[in-house]
N, C-alpha and C. Protein backbone atom coordinates (compact mmCIF):
# COMPACT_ATOMS: atom_id res chain seq x y z
N MET A 1 0.83 -1.20 0.00
CA MET A 1 0.00 0.00 0.00
C MET A 1 0.87 1.26 0.00
N ARG A 2 1.94 1.23 0.79
CA ARG A 2 2.82 2.38 0.89
C ARG A 2 3.47 2.67 -0.47
N ALA A 3 3.88 1.61 -1.16
CA ALA A 3 4.51 1.79 -2.47
C ALA A 3 3.52 2.38 -3.47
N PHE A 4 2.26 1.97 -3.40
CA PHE A 4 1.23 2.52 -4.29
C PHE A 4 1.03 4.01 -4.04
N ILE A 5 0.96 4.38 -2.77
CA ILE A 5 0.78 5.80 -2.43
C ILE A 5 1.97 6.62 -2.92
N CYS A 6 3.16 6.07 -2.77
CA CYS A 6 4.36 6.77 -3.23
C CYS A 6 4.34 6.95 -4.75
N ARG A 7 3.92 5.92 -5.47
CA ARG A 7 3.83 6.04 -6.93
C ARG A 7 2.80 7.09 -7.33
N MET A 8 1.69 7.15 -6.61
CA MET A 8 0.65 8.12 -6.94
C MET A 8 1.08 9.55 -6.65
N MET A 9 1.93 9.74 -5.66
CA MET A 9 2.34 11.08 -5.28
C MET A 9 3.70 11.49 -5.84
N SER A 10 4.43 10.54 -6.43
CA SER A 10 5.75 10.87 -6.95
C SER A 10 5.63 11.73 -8.21
N THR A 11 6.72 12.39 -8.53
CA THR A 11 6.72 13.24 -9.71
C THR A 11 8.10 13.22 -10.36
N CYS A 12 8.09 13.28 -11.67
CA CYS A 12 9.36 13.41 -12.40
C CYS A 12 9.46 14.80 -13.03
N ALA A 13 8.50 15.64 -12.69
CA ALA A 13 8.44 16.98 -13.28
C ALA A 13 9.15 18.00 -12.40
N GLY A 14 9.58 19.07 -13.01
CA GLY A 14 10.20 20.16 -12.28
C GLY A 14 9.14 21.11 -11.74
N LYS A 15 9.60 22.23 -11.26
CA LYS A 15 8.66 23.21 -10.70
C LYS A 15 7.86 23.94 -11.76
N GLU A 16 8.29 23.87 -13.03
CA GLU A 16 7.60 24.59 -14.11
C GLU A 16 6.18 24.08 -14.35
N VAL A 17 5.91 22.84 -13.98
CA VAL A 17 4.60 22.25 -14.24
C VAL A 17 3.50 22.93 -13.41
N VAL A 18 3.89 23.75 -12.44
CA VAL A 18 2.91 24.49 -11.66
C VAL A 18 2.06 25.39 -12.56
N ILE A 19 2.64 25.88 -13.64
CA ILE A 19 1.89 26.74 -14.57
C ILE A 19 0.74 25.97 -15.19
N LEU A 20 1.00 24.74 -15.60
CA LEU A 20 -0.05 23.90 -16.18
C LEU A 20 -1.10 23.55 -15.13
N ARG A 21 -0.67 23.29 -13.90
CA ARG A 21 -1.63 22.99 -12.83
C ARG A 21 -2.52 24.18 -12.55
N ILE A 22 -1.95 25.38 -12.53
CA ILE A 22 -2.74 26.59 -12.28
C ILE A 22 -3.77 26.78 -13.39
N ALA A 23 -3.34 26.63 -14.63
CA ALA A 23 -4.25 26.82 -15.77
C ALA A 23 -5.37 25.79 -15.75
N LEU A 24 -5.02 24.54 -15.57
CA LEU A 24 -6.01 23.47 -15.60
C LEU A 24 -6.98 23.56 -14.43
N SER A 25 -6.45 23.82 -13.24
CA SER A 25 -7.34 23.95 -12.08
C SER A 25 -8.23 25.17 -12.21
N GLY A 26 -7.71 26.24 -12.80
CA GLY A 26 -8.54 27.44 -13.03
C GLY A 26 -9.72 27.16 -13.93
N ILE A 27 -9.51 26.33 -14.93
CA ILE A 27 -10.60 25.96 -15.84
C ILE A 27 -11.67 25.21 -15.07
N PHE A 28 -11.27 24.18 -14.33
CA PHE A 28 -12.27 23.36 -13.63
C PHE A 28 -12.96 24.11 -12.50
N ILE A 29 -12.21 24.87 -11.70
CA ILE A 29 -12.82 25.62 -10.60
C ILE A 29 -13.79 26.66 -11.13
N SER A 30 -13.39 27.40 -12.16
CA SER A 30 -14.27 28.45 -12.69
C SER A 30 -15.52 27.85 -13.32
N GLU A 31 -15.39 26.71 -13.99
CA GLU A 31 -16.57 26.05 -14.57
C GLU A 31 -17.52 25.58 -13.48
N GLY A 32 -16.98 25.00 -12.42
CA GLY A 32 -17.83 24.54 -11.31
C GLY A 32 -18.57 25.69 -10.66
N ILE A 33 -17.88 26.80 -10.44
CA ILE A 33 -18.51 27.97 -9.83
C ILE A 33 -19.55 28.58 -10.76
N ALA A 34 -19.25 28.62 -12.05
CA ALA A 34 -20.21 29.17 -13.01
C ALA A 34 -21.49 28.35 -13.05
N LYS A 35 -21.38 27.04 -12.90
CA LYS A 35 -22.57 26.18 -12.91
C LYS A 35 -23.44 26.43 -11.69
N ILE A 36 -22.82 26.84 -10.58
CA ILE A 36 -23.59 27.17 -9.39
C ILE A 36 -24.21 28.55 -9.51
N LEU A 37 -23.45 29.52 -10.01
CA LEU A 37 -23.94 30.89 -10.12
C LEU A 37 -25.00 31.07 -11.20
N TYR A 38 -24.89 30.32 -12.28
CA TYR A 38 -25.82 30.45 -13.41
C TYR A 38 -26.43 29.09 -13.73
N PRO A 39 -27.33 28.60 -12.86
CA PRO A 39 -27.86 27.25 -13.03
C PRO A 39 -28.70 27.06 -14.30
N VAL A 40 -29.35 28.12 -14.76
CA VAL A 40 -30.20 27.97 -15.94
C VAL A 40 -29.37 27.82 -17.21
N THR A 41 -28.33 28.62 -17.35
CA THR A 41 -27.55 28.59 -18.59
C THR A 41 -26.32 27.70 -18.52
N ARG A 42 -25.77 27.46 -17.33
CA ARG A 42 -24.53 26.67 -17.22
C ARG A 42 -24.69 25.42 -16.39
N GLY A 43 -25.71 25.35 -15.55
CA GLY A 43 -25.87 24.24 -14.62
C GLY A 43 -26.98 23.29 -15.01
N ILE A 44 -27.89 23.07 -14.07
CA ILE A 44 -28.95 22.07 -14.25
C ILE A 44 -29.82 22.37 -15.46
N GLY A 45 -30.13 23.63 -15.70
CA GLY A 45 -30.93 24.00 -16.88
C GLY A 45 -30.25 23.57 -18.17
N TYR A 46 -28.96 23.75 -18.23
CA TYR A 46 -28.20 23.34 -19.42
C TYR A 46 -28.18 21.82 -19.54
N TYR A 47 -28.00 21.13 -18.41
CA TYR A 47 -27.99 19.66 -18.44
C TYR A 47 -29.33 19.11 -18.94
N ILE A 48 -30.41 19.73 -18.53
CA ILE A 48 -31.73 19.30 -19.02
C ILE A 48 -31.83 19.53 -20.52
N ALA A 49 -31.35 20.68 -20.99
CA ALA A 49 -31.42 21.02 -22.41
C ALA A 49 -30.63 20.05 -23.29
N ILE A 50 -29.50 19.55 -22.81
CA ILE A 50 -28.71 18.64 -23.64
C ILE A 50 -29.11 17.18 -23.45
N GLY A 51 -30.05 16.93 -22.54
CA GLY A 51 -30.56 15.58 -22.36
C GLY A 51 -29.74 14.70 -21.43
N MET A 52 -29.05 15.30 -20.49
CA MET A 52 -28.27 14.51 -19.53
C MET A 52 -29.23 13.73 -18.63
N PRO A 53 -28.96 12.46 -18.41
CA PRO A 53 -29.82 11.69 -17.50
C PRO A 53 -29.64 12.16 -16.06
N ALA A 54 -30.74 12.25 -15.32
CA ALA A 54 -30.75 12.66 -13.91
C ALA A 54 -29.96 13.94 -13.66
N PRO A 55 -30.32 15.04 -14.33
CA PRO A 55 -29.55 16.27 -14.16
C PRO A 55 -29.59 16.83 -12.74
N GLY A 56 -30.67 16.59 -12.01
CA GLY A 56 -30.76 17.06 -10.63
C GLY A 56 -29.79 16.36 -9.71
N LEU A 57 -29.40 15.15 -10.06
CA LEU A 57 -28.44 14.39 -9.26
C LEU A 57 -27.01 14.57 -9.78
N LEU A 58 -26.84 14.38 -11.07
CA LEU A 58 -25.50 14.43 -11.65
C LEU A 58 -24.92 15.84 -11.72
N GLY A 59 -25.77 16.84 -11.91
CA GLY A 59 -25.31 18.23 -11.99
C GLY A 59 -24.53 18.67 -10.76
N PRO A 60 -25.13 18.58 -9.58
CA PRO A 60 -24.39 18.98 -8.37
C PRO A 60 -23.15 18.12 -8.11
N ILE A 61 -23.20 16.84 -8.49
CA ILE A 61 -22.01 15.99 -8.32
C ILE A 61 -20.88 16.50 -9.20
N LEU A 62 -21.18 16.83 -10.45
CA LEU A 62 -20.15 17.35 -11.36
C LEU A 62 -19.60 18.68 -10.86
N GLU A 63 -20.48 19.54 -10.34
CA GLU A 63 -20.04 20.83 -9.82
C GLU A 63 -19.07 20.64 -8.66
N CYS A 64 -19.40 19.74 -7.74
CA CYS A 64 -18.52 19.47 -6.59
C CYS A 64 -17.19 18.88 -7.05
N ILE A 65 -17.24 17.95 -8.00
CA ILE A 65 -16.01 17.35 -8.51
C ILE A 65 -15.11 18.42 -9.10
N GLU A 66 -15.68 19.31 -9.91
CA GLU A 66 -14.88 20.34 -10.56
C GLU A 66 -14.25 21.29 -9.54
N ILE A 67 -15.00 21.69 -8.53
CA ILE A 67 -14.48 22.64 -7.55
C ILE A 67 -13.50 21.97 -6.59
N ILE A 68 -13.86 20.85 -6.03
CA ILE A 68 -13.00 20.19 -5.03
C ILE A 68 -11.74 19.62 -5.68
N CYS A 69 -11.92 18.85 -6.74
CA CYS A 69 -10.75 18.27 -7.40
C CYS A 69 -9.88 19.35 -8.04
N GLY A 70 -10.50 20.40 -8.57
CA GLY A 70 -9.73 21.52 -9.12
C GLY A 70 -8.91 22.21 -8.05
N SER A 71 -9.45 22.33 -6.84
CA SER A 71 -8.71 22.94 -5.73
C SER A 71 -7.54 22.07 -5.30
N PHE A 72 -7.77 20.75 -5.23
CA PHE A 72 -6.67 19.84 -4.90
C PHE A 72 -5.59 19.90 -5.97
N LEU A 73 -6.00 19.98 -7.23
CA LEU A 73 -5.05 20.06 -8.33
C LEU A 73 -4.22 21.35 -8.23
N LEU A 74 -4.86 22.44 -7.87
CA LEU A 74 -4.16 23.72 -7.72
C LEU A 74 -3.04 23.61 -6.69
N CYS A 75 -3.31 22.93 -5.59
CA CYS A 75 -2.30 22.74 -4.53
C CYS A 75 -1.31 21.64 -4.87
N GLY A 76 -1.66 20.79 -5.82
CA GLY A 76 -0.79 19.66 -6.13
C GLY A 76 -0.91 18.56 -5.09
N PHE A 77 -2.11 18.39 -4.55
CA PHE A 77 -2.35 17.38 -3.53
C PHE A 77 -3.12 16.22 -4.13
N LEU A 78 -2.56 15.02 -4.05
CA LEU A 78 -3.16 13.81 -4.64
C LEU A 78 -3.46 14.03 -6.12
N THR A 79 -2.55 14.62 -6.80
CA THR A 79 -2.76 15.08 -8.17
C THR A 79 -3.26 13.99 -9.10
N ARG A 80 -2.59 12.86 -9.12
CA ARG A 80 -3.01 11.79 -10.04
C ARG A 80 -4.39 11.26 -9.68
N VAL A 81 -4.70 11.21 -8.41
CA VAL A 81 -6.01 10.70 -7.98
C VAL A 81 -7.13 11.66 -8.40
N VAL A 82 -6.95 12.96 -8.16
CA VAL A 82 -8.01 13.92 -8.47
C VAL A 82 -8.16 14.16 -9.97
N LEU A 83 -7.13 13.83 -10.73
CA LEU A 83 -7.24 14.00 -12.18
C LEU A 83 -8.16 12.97 -12.82
N LEU A 84 -8.31 11.82 -12.21
CA LEU A 84 -9.18 10.78 -12.80
C LEU A 84 -10.64 11.25 -12.93
N PRO A 85 -11.28 11.78 -11.86
CA PRO A 85 -12.64 12.28 -12.05
C PRO A 85 -12.70 13.50 -12.98
N LEU A 86 -11.64 14.30 -13.00
CA LEU A 86 -11.63 15.46 -13.89
C LEU A 86 -11.53 15.02 -15.36
N ILE A 87 -10.80 13.95 -15.62
CA ILE A 87 -10.73 13.42 -16.99
C ILE A 87 -12.08 12.86 -17.40
N ILE A 88 -12.74 12.15 -16.49
CA ILE A 88 -14.09 11.65 -16.79
C ILE A 88 -15.03 12.81 -17.07
N ASP A 89 -14.91 13.88 -16.30
CA ASP A 89 -15.72 15.08 -16.50
C ASP A 89 -15.46 15.69 -17.89
N ALA A 90 -14.20 15.75 -18.30
CA ALA A 90 -13.86 16.30 -19.62
C ALA A 90 -14.41 15.43 -20.75
N VAL A 91 -14.31 14.11 -20.60
CA VAL A 91 -14.85 13.20 -21.62
C VAL A 91 -16.38 13.34 -21.69
N LEU A 92 -17.03 13.40 -20.53
CA LEU A 92 -18.49 13.60 -20.51
C LEU A 92 -18.87 14.91 -21.19
N SER A 93 -18.09 15.94 -20.95
CA SER A 93 -18.35 17.23 -21.57
C SER A 93 -18.29 17.12 -23.10
N ILE A 94 -17.28 16.44 -23.59
CA ILE A 94 -17.14 16.27 -25.04
C ILE A 94 -18.31 15.47 -25.61
N VAL A 95 -18.62 14.36 -24.98
CA VAL A 95 -19.66 13.46 -25.49
C VAL A 95 -21.05 14.08 -25.36
N MET A 96 -21.39 14.60 -24.17
CA MET A 96 -22.75 15.10 -23.93
C MET A 96 -23.05 16.38 -24.70
N THR A 97 -22.09 17.27 -24.82
CA THR A 97 -22.41 18.56 -25.43
C THR A 97 -22.23 18.59 -26.94
N ASN A 98 -21.50 17.64 -27.50
CA ASN A 98 -21.21 17.72 -28.92
C ASN A 98 -21.60 16.50 -29.74
N SER A 99 -22.13 15.47 -29.12
CA SER A 99 -22.45 14.25 -29.87
C SER A 99 -23.56 14.48 -30.90
N HIS A 100 -24.40 15.48 -30.68
CA HIS A 100 -25.46 15.76 -31.66
C HIS A 100 -24.89 16.18 -33.01
N LEU A 101 -23.69 16.72 -33.03
CA LEU A 101 -23.07 17.15 -34.28
C LEU A 101 -22.67 15.98 -35.17
N LEU A 102 -22.50 14.79 -34.59
CA LEU A 102 -22.10 13.63 -35.38
C LEU A 102 -23.18 13.22 -36.37
N GLY A 103 -24.43 13.51 -36.04
CA GLY A 103 -25.53 13.13 -36.92
C GLY A 103 -25.71 14.06 -38.11
N LEU A 104 -25.06 15.20 -38.10
CA LEU A 104 -25.19 16.17 -39.19
C LEU A 104 -24.24 15.83 -40.33
N LYS A 105 -24.53 16.38 -41.51
CA LYS A 105 -23.62 16.19 -42.63
C LYS A 105 -22.28 16.87 -42.29
N GLY A 106 -21.22 16.16 -42.43
CA GLY A 106 -19.92 16.66 -42.03
C GLY A 106 -19.45 16.01 -40.75
N GLY A 107 -20.40 15.53 -39.93
CA GLY A 107 -20.15 14.74 -38.74
C GLY A 107 -18.99 15.18 -37.87
N PHE A 108 -17.98 14.33 -37.81
CA PHE A 108 -16.86 14.54 -36.91
C PHE A 108 -16.10 15.83 -37.20
N SER A 109 -16.02 16.20 -38.47
CA SER A 109 -15.30 17.44 -38.82
C SER A 109 -16.02 18.67 -38.28
N LEU A 110 -17.33 18.59 -38.11
CA LEU A 110 -18.07 19.69 -37.48
C LEU A 110 -17.83 19.74 -35.97
N MET A 111 -17.59 18.58 -35.40
CA MET A 111 -17.41 18.48 -33.96
C MET A 111 -16.04 18.98 -33.51
N LEU A 112 -15.02 18.84 -34.35
CA LEU A 112 -13.66 19.18 -33.96
C LEU A 112 -13.48 20.62 -33.46
N PRO A 113 -13.98 21.63 -34.18
CA PRO A 113 -13.80 22.99 -33.66
C PRO A 113 -14.52 23.23 -32.33
N GLU A 114 -15.59 22.50 -32.10
CA GLU A 114 -16.37 22.69 -30.87
C GLU A 114 -15.70 22.05 -29.66
N ILE A 115 -14.89 21.03 -29.87
CA ILE A 115 -14.31 20.31 -28.74
C ILE A 115 -12.87 20.69 -28.45
N ARG A 116 -12.32 21.65 -29.16
CA ARG A 116 -10.88 21.92 -29.01
C ARG A 116 -10.49 22.31 -27.59
N GLY A 117 -11.30 23.09 -26.90
CA GLY A 117 -11.00 23.45 -25.51
C GLY A 117 -11.06 22.25 -24.58
N ASP A 118 -12.12 21.45 -24.73
CA ASP A 118 -12.25 20.26 -23.90
C ASP A 118 -11.14 19.25 -24.22
N TYR A 119 -10.78 19.16 -25.47
CA TYR A 119 -9.72 18.24 -25.90
C TYR A 119 -8.37 18.66 -25.31
N ALA A 120 -8.08 19.96 -25.34
CA ALA A 120 -6.83 20.47 -24.77
C ALA A 120 -6.80 20.23 -23.25
N THR A 121 -7.93 20.43 -22.60
CA THR A 121 -8.04 20.18 -21.17
C THR A 121 -7.80 18.71 -20.87
N LEU A 122 -8.39 17.85 -21.66
CA LEU A 122 -8.23 16.40 -21.49
C LEU A 122 -6.76 15.98 -21.65
N LEU A 123 -6.11 16.48 -22.68
CA LEU A 123 -4.70 16.12 -22.91
C LEU A 123 -3.78 16.68 -21.82
N ALA A 124 -4.07 17.87 -21.32
CA ALA A 124 -3.27 18.44 -20.23
C ALA A 124 -3.42 17.60 -18.97
N ALA A 125 -4.63 17.12 -18.71
CA ALA A 125 -4.87 16.27 -17.54
C ALA A 125 -4.13 14.94 -17.67
N VAL A 126 -4.16 14.35 -18.85
CA VAL A 126 -3.44 13.10 -19.09
C VAL A 126 -1.93 13.32 -18.91
N TYR A 127 -1.43 14.42 -19.40
CA TYR A 127 -0.01 14.75 -19.25
C TYR A 127 0.37 14.84 -17.77
N LEU A 128 -0.47 15.48 -16.97
CA LEU A 128 -0.18 15.60 -15.55
C LEU A 128 -0.25 14.25 -14.84
N ILE A 129 -1.12 13.37 -15.29
CA ILE A 129 -1.14 12.02 -14.70
C ILE A 129 0.18 11.32 -14.97
N ILE A 130 0.72 11.52 -16.15
CA ILE A 130 1.97 10.85 -16.52
C ILE A 130 3.15 11.39 -15.73
N ILE A 131 3.28 12.72 -15.63
CA ILE A 131 4.49 13.29 -15.01
C ILE A 131 4.34 13.67 -13.54
N GLY A 132 3.14 13.79 -13.06
CA GLY A 132 2.94 14.15 -11.66
C GLY A 132 2.82 15.65 -11.45
N ALA A 133 2.74 16.05 -10.19
CA ALA A 133 2.42 17.43 -9.83
C ALA A 133 3.59 18.39 -9.91
N GLY A 134 4.79 17.90 -9.92
CA GLY A 134 5.95 18.78 -9.96
C GLY A 134 6.50 19.08 -8.58
N LYS A 135 7.61 19.78 -8.55
CA LYS A 135 8.31 20.05 -7.29
C LYS A 135 7.62 21.10 -6.42
N TRP A 136 6.83 21.96 -7.02
CA TRP A 136 6.07 22.94 -6.24
C TRP A 136 4.67 22.39 -5.99
N SER A 137 4.58 21.33 -5.22
CA SER A 137 3.29 20.71 -4.94
C SER A 137 3.29 20.13 -3.53
N VAL A 138 2.11 19.93 -3.00
CA VAL A 138 1.95 19.29 -1.70
C VAL A 138 2.45 17.85 -1.77
N ASP A 139 2.16 17.16 -2.87
CA ASP A 139 2.63 15.78 -3.04
C ASP A 139 4.14 15.69 -2.86
N TYR A 140 4.86 16.53 -3.54
CA TYR A 140 6.33 16.51 -3.48
C TYR A 140 6.81 16.81 -2.07
N ARG A 141 6.21 17.79 -1.44
CA ARG A 141 6.62 18.18 -0.08
C ARG A 141 6.36 17.05 0.91
N LEU A 142 5.18 16.43 0.80
CA LEU A 142 4.85 15.35 1.73
C LEU A 142 5.81 14.18 1.60
N LEU A 143 6.13 13.83 0.38
CA LEU A 143 7.01 12.67 0.16
C LEU A 143 8.44 12.95 0.59
N ASN A 144 8.90 14.17 0.40
CA ASN A 144 10.30 14.47 0.68
C ASN A 144 10.56 15.00 2.10
N GLN A 145 9.59 15.64 2.70
CA GLN A 145 9.81 16.17 4.05
C GLN A 145 9.54 15.13 5.12
N THR A 146 8.64 14.21 4.87
CA THR A 146 8.30 13.22 5.89
C THR A 146 9.21 12.02 5.85
N GLY A 147 9.98 11.85 4.77
CA GLY A 147 10.81 10.67 4.64
C GLY A 147 10.03 9.44 4.23
N TYR A 148 8.76 9.63 3.96
CA TYR A 148 7.87 8.52 3.61
C TYR A 148 8.33 7.85 2.32
N PHE A 149 8.74 8.65 1.37
CA PHE A 149 9.15 8.11 0.07
C PHE A 149 10.42 7.27 0.19
N GLU A 150 11.39 7.76 0.92
CA GLU A 150 12.65 7.03 1.05
C GLU A 150 12.44 5.70 1.75
N THR A 151 11.57 5.66 2.77
CA THR A 151 11.29 4.43 3.48
C THR A 151 10.62 3.41 2.57
N ALA A 152 9.66 3.84 1.79
CA ALA A 152 8.91 2.94 0.91
C ALA A 152 9.77 2.44 -0.24
N ALA A 153 10.65 3.29 -0.72
CA ALA A 153 11.47 2.90 -1.86
C ALA A 153 12.65 2.03 -1.44
N GLY A 154 12.86 1.90 -0.14
CA GLY A 154 13.93 1.06 0.36
C GLY A 154 15.30 1.72 0.26
N ARG A 155 15.33 3.03 0.30
CA ARG A 155 16.60 3.77 0.22
C ARG A 155 17.28 3.84 1.54
């Protein structure tokens, strides 16, 4: 278990990756807050309009995921863990909001310009899962200041 936690919190990235974490967390946090502030156009009303199943249940769950996981991502705490629900959120965003374009003439080529922001967000999240939170993160500090990483790695 200790080795798994160390792998989840380890990073091969430098401190520069904090810029990507700030940008990505800003996207998710601002989207979550916007869905709360403007429920008709960005939140539950929008989910009903696009045909999301159980919008009254799933809407608030997505809002909480975006705000809480985005905040953890900003701090670099449990980065790889919190990115998993955020990636699912990005995929759902692509599928739920743009799948209607596939039925039109032009299909996928019509969908590409509409999903570029969600696609970039998705790829940035996958990149962070691969390299970790970086040296300016809670993950890095916890592993290196507590000695937890050295003990688990057998150093």
